[in-house]
């Protein structure tokens, strides 16, 4: 699993989430998979990325694309976990 801007599906500097097989994942299931891999709750995800509360990140599971900075922080955490 990987979060990267170096993929044809990435546009305007927004990273994409790739599955272990290299397929692009939609953000909601991709974020869930990343959090499962990191063994993080949504509260831990929110805290790690500088959000004030877990409610602040719920929108990412409701169709809002996470900011590049948030995805980049997750990418670093994921790379350090593997």
N, C-alpha and C. Protein backbone atom coordinates (compact mmCIF):
# COMPACT_ATOMS: atom_id res chain seq x y z
N UNK A 1 0.85 -1.17 0.00
CA UNK A 1 0.00 0.00 0.00
C UNK A 1 0.90 1.23 0.00
N UNK A 2 0.45 2.27 -0.74
CA UNK A 2 1.28 3.44 -0.92
C UNK A 2 0.40 4.65 -1.21
N UNK A 3 0.86 5.81 -0.77
CA UNK A 3 0.20 7.07 -1.10
C UNK A 3 1.23 7.89 -1.86
N UNK A 4 0.89 8.29 -3.09
CA UNK A 4 1.88 8.93 -3.95
C UNK A 4 1.27 9.91 -4.93
N UNK A 5 2.10 10.87 -5.35
CA UNK A 5 1.75 11.78 -6.45
C UNK A 5 2.30 11.27 -7.76
N UNK A 6 3.18 10.26 -7.67
CA UNK A 6 3.85 9.73 -8.85
C UNK A 6 3.05 8.61 -9.48
N UNK A 7 1.87 8.97 -9.95
CA UNK A 7 0.97 8.02 -10.60
C UNK A 7 0.12 8.81 -11.58
N UNK A 8 -0.19 8.23 -12.73
CA UNK A 8 -1.00 8.96 -13.73
C UNK A 8 -2.35 9.45 -13.22
N UNK A 9 -2.91 8.80 -12.21
CA UNK A 9 -4.22 9.21 -11.70
C UNK A 9 -4.13 10.39 -10.74
N UNK A 10 -2.94 10.72 -10.30
CA UNK A 10 -2.75 11.88 -9.42
C UNK A 10 -2.82 13.14 -10.28
N UNK A 11 -3.58 14.12 -9.79
CA UNK A 11 -3.66 15.37 -10.55
C UNK A 11 -3.57 16.56 -9.61
N UNK A 12 -3.00 17.63 -10.09
CA UNK A 12 -2.87 18.88 -9.36
C UNK A 12 -2.21 18.70 -8.00
N UNK A 13 -1.26 17.78 -7.92
CA UNK A 13 -0.51 17.58 -6.69
C UNK A 13 -1.23 16.82 -5.60
N UNK A 14 -2.42 16.29 -5.90
CA UNK A 14 -3.16 15.52 -4.90
C UNK A 14 -2.75 14.05 -5.02
N UNK A 15 -2.16 13.50 -3.95
CA UNK A 15 -1.74 12.10 -4.00
C UNK A 15 -2.93 11.14 -4.14
N UNK A 16 -2.63 9.97 -4.63
CA UNK A 16 -3.62 8.89 -4.70
C UNK A 16 -3.19 7.78 -3.75
N UNK A 17 -4.14 6.97 -3.35
CA UNK A 17 -3.87 5.82 -2.49
C UNK A 17 -3.86 4.59 -3.39
N UNK A 18 -2.76 3.84 -3.34
CA UNK A 18 -2.62 2.63 -4.14
C UNK A 18 -2.72 1.41 -3.24
N UNK A 19 -3.44 0.42 -3.70
CA UNK A 19 -3.53 -0.85 -2.97
C UNK A 19 -2.20 -1.59 -3.08
N UNK A 20 -2.10 -2.70 -2.38
CA UNK A 20 -0.88 -3.51 -2.45
C UNK A 20 -0.60 -3.99 -3.87
N UNK A 21 -1.64 -4.14 -4.68
CA UNK A 21 -1.47 -4.58 -6.05
C UNK A 21 -1.22 -3.42 -7.02
N UNK A 22 -1.20 -2.18 -6.49
CA UNK A 22 -0.92 -1.01 -7.33
C UNK A 22 -2.14 -0.34 -7.92
N UNK A 23 -3.33 -0.82 -7.57
CA UNK A 23 -4.56 -0.22 -8.08
C UNK A 23 -4.93 1.02 -7.27
N UNK A 24 -5.45 2.04 -7.96
CA UNK A 24 -5.91 3.26 -7.28
C UNK A 24 -7.18 2.94 -6.49
N UNK A 25 -7.19 3.38 -5.24
CA UNK A 25 -8.36 3.16 -4.38
C UNK A 25 -9.13 4.47 -4.25
N UNK A 26 -10.44 4.40 -4.12
CA UNK A 26 -11.22 5.57 -3.76
C UNK A 26 -10.76 6.02 -2.38
N UNK A 27 -10.93 7.30 -2.07
CA UNK A 27 -10.38 7.82 -0.82
C UNK A 27 -10.96 7.18 0.43
N UNK A 28 -12.27 7.03 0.52
CA UNK A 28 -12.86 6.48 1.74
C UNK A 28 -12.34 5.06 2.04
N UNK A 29 -12.46 4.12 1.11
CA UNK A 29 -11.92 2.79 1.41
C UNK A 29 -10.40 2.78 1.52
N UNK A 30 -9.74 3.66 0.79
CA UNK A 30 -8.29 3.75 0.87
C UNK A 30 -7.84 4.24 2.24
N UNK A 31 -8.50 5.26 2.76
CA UNK A 31 -8.16 5.75 4.09
C UNK A 31 -8.42 4.68 5.15
N UNK A 32 -9.53 3.98 5.01
CA UNK A 32 -9.83 2.90 5.95
C UNK A 32 -8.74 1.84 5.92
N UNK A 33 -8.29 1.48 4.72
CA UNK A 33 -7.23 0.48 4.59
C UNK A 33 -5.92 0.98 5.19
N UNK A 34 -5.59 2.25 4.97
CA UNK A 34 -4.36 2.82 5.53
C UNK A 34 -4.44 2.82 7.06
N UNK A 35 -5.56 3.26 7.61
CA UNK A 35 -5.70 3.28 9.07
C UNK A 35 -5.63 1.87 9.65
N UNK A 36 -6.21 0.91 8.95
CA UNK A 36 -6.12 -0.49 9.41
C UNK A 36 -4.67 -0.96 9.39
N UNK A 37 -3.94 -0.61 8.35
CA UNK A 37 -2.53 -1.00 8.24
C UNK A 37 -1.71 -0.39 9.37
N UNK A 38 -2.00 0.87 9.69
CA UNK A 38 -1.28 1.56 10.75
C UNK A 38 -1.80 1.20 12.14
N UNK A 39 -2.95 0.51 12.19
CA UNK A 39 -3.62 0.18 13.45
C UNK A 39 -3.99 1.46 14.21
N UNK A 40 -4.51 2.43 13.46
CA UNK A 40 -4.93 3.72 14.01
C UNK A 40 -6.44 3.82 13.99
N UNK A 41 -6.97 4.50 14.98
CA UNK A 41 -8.38 4.89 14.97
C UNK A 41 -8.49 6.20 14.19
N UNK A 42 -9.71 6.61 13.93
CA UNK A 42 -9.89 7.91 13.27
C UNK A 42 -9.42 9.04 14.18
N UNK A 43 -9.55 8.85 15.49
CA UNK A 43 -9.07 9.86 16.44
C UNK A 43 -7.55 9.98 16.36
N UNK A 44 -6.86 8.86 16.25
CA UNK A 44 -5.39 8.89 16.12
C UNK A 44 -4.99 9.54 14.80
N UNK A 45 -5.71 9.22 13.75
CA UNK A 45 -5.47 9.82 12.44
C UNK A 45 -5.62 11.34 12.53
N UNK A 46 -6.71 11.78 13.13
CA UNK A 46 -6.97 13.22 13.26
C UNK A 46 -5.85 13.90 14.05
N UNK A 47 -5.46 13.31 15.16
CA UNK A 47 -4.41 13.89 16.00
C UNK A 47 -3.08 13.94 15.25
N UNK A 48 -2.72 12.87 14.57
CA UNK A 48 -1.45 12.81 13.84
C UNK A 48 -1.38 13.88 12.76
N UNK A 49 -2.51 14.16 12.14
CA UNK A 49 -2.54 15.11 11.02
C UNK A 49 -2.88 16.54 11.46
N UNK A 50 -3.00 16.75 12.78
CA UNK A 50 -3.19 18.10 13.28
C UNK A 50 -4.62 18.61 13.32
N UNK A 51 -5.59 17.72 13.19
CA UNK A 51 -6.98 18.13 13.29
C UNK A 51 -7.39 18.18 14.76
N UNK A 52 -8.34 19.04 15.08
CA UNK A 52 -8.73 19.25 16.48
C UNK A 52 -9.54 18.10 17.06
N UNK A 53 -10.28 17.40 16.21
CA UNK A 53 -11.10 16.30 16.72
C UNK A 53 -11.34 15.28 15.61
N UNK A 54 -11.74 14.08 16.01
CA UNK A 54 -12.05 13.06 15.00
C UNK A 54 -13.17 13.49 14.05
N UNK A 55 -14.08 14.32 14.53
CA UNK A 55 -15.17 14.80 13.65
C UNK A 55 -14.62 15.59 12.47
N UNK A 56 -13.45 16.18 12.65
CA UNK A 56 -12.85 16.99 11.58
C UNK A 56 -12.45 16.15 10.37
N UNK A 57 -12.24 14.85 10.56
CA UNK A 57 -11.82 14.01 9.44
C UNK A 57 -12.95 13.16 8.87
N UNK A 58 -14.10 13.16 9.54
CA UNK A 58 -15.23 12.35 9.07
C UNK A 58 -15.64 12.69 7.64
N UNK A 59 -15.45 13.94 7.25
CA UNK A 59 -15.83 14.36 5.90
C UNK A 59 -15.10 13.60 4.81
N UNK A 60 -13.92 13.05 5.13
CA UNK A 60 -13.16 12.30 4.14
C UNK A 60 -13.82 10.97 3.81
N UNK A 61 -14.70 10.52 4.66
CA UNK A 61 -15.46 9.29 4.40
C UNK A 61 -16.83 9.61 3.81
N UNK A 62 -17.06 10.91 3.56
CA UNK A 62 -18.34 11.34 2.99
C UNK A 62 -18.16 12.03 1.65
N UNK A 63 -17.03 11.79 1.00
CA UNK A 63 -16.83 12.29 -0.35
C UNK A 63 -15.91 13.48 -0.51
N UNK A 64 -15.47 14.08 0.59
CA UNK A 64 -14.53 15.20 0.50
C UNK A 64 -13.12 14.64 0.32
N UNK A 65 -12.40 15.16 -0.66
CA UNK A 65 -11.03 14.70 -0.91
C UNK A 65 -10.12 15.29 0.16
N UNK A 66 -9.33 14.45 0.82
CA UNK A 66 -8.40 14.97 1.83
C UNK A 66 -7.37 15.90 1.20
N UNK A 67 -6.94 16.93 1.93
CA UNK A 67 -5.90 17.81 1.41
C UNK A 67 -4.59 17.05 1.18
N UNK A 68 -3.80 17.55 0.25
CA UNK A 68 -2.51 16.91 -0.05
C UNK A 68 -1.65 16.80 1.20
N UNK A 69 -1.65 17.83 2.04
CA UNK A 69 -0.82 17.80 3.25
C UNK A 69 -1.22 16.63 4.16
N UNK A 70 -2.50 16.37 4.28
CA UNK A 70 -2.98 15.26 5.11
C UNK A 70 -2.54 13.93 4.51
N UNK A 71 -2.70 13.79 3.20
CA UNK A 71 -2.28 12.55 2.54
C UNK A 71 -0.77 12.36 2.62
N UNK A 72 -0.02 13.46 2.54
CA UNK A 72 1.44 13.36 2.64
C UNK A 72 1.86 12.91 4.04
N UNK A 73 1.20 13.42 5.09
CA UNK A 73 1.50 12.97 6.45
C UNK A 73 1.21 11.48 6.61
N UNK A 74 0.10 11.03 6.03
CA UNK A 74 -0.22 9.59 6.08
C UNK A 74 0.80 8.79 5.30
N UNK A 75 1.26 9.31 4.19
CA UNK A 75 2.26 8.62 3.38
C UNK A 75 3.54 8.39 4.17
N UNK A 76 3.97 9.41 4.89
CA UNK A 76 5.19 9.29 5.71
C UNK A 76 4.98 8.27 6.82
N UNK A 77 3.82 8.32 7.48
CA UNK A 77 3.53 7.34 8.54
C UNK A 77 3.50 5.92 7.99
N UNK A 78 2.90 5.77 6.82
CA UNK A 78 2.80 4.45 6.19
C UNK A 78 4.17 3.94 5.79
N UNK A 79 5.01 4.79 5.24
CA UNK A 79 6.36 4.37 4.84
C UNK A 79 7.19 3.98 6.05
N UNK A 80 7.01 4.67 7.16
CA UNK A 80 7.74 4.34 8.37
C UNK A 80 7.24 3.08 9.05
N UNK A 81 6.04 2.68 8.72
CA UNK A 81 5.40 1.50 9.33
C UNK A 81 5.83 0.20 8.65
N UNK A 82 6.17 0.30 7.37
CA UNK A 82 6.47 -0.92 6.61
C UNK A 82 7.89 -1.37 6.75
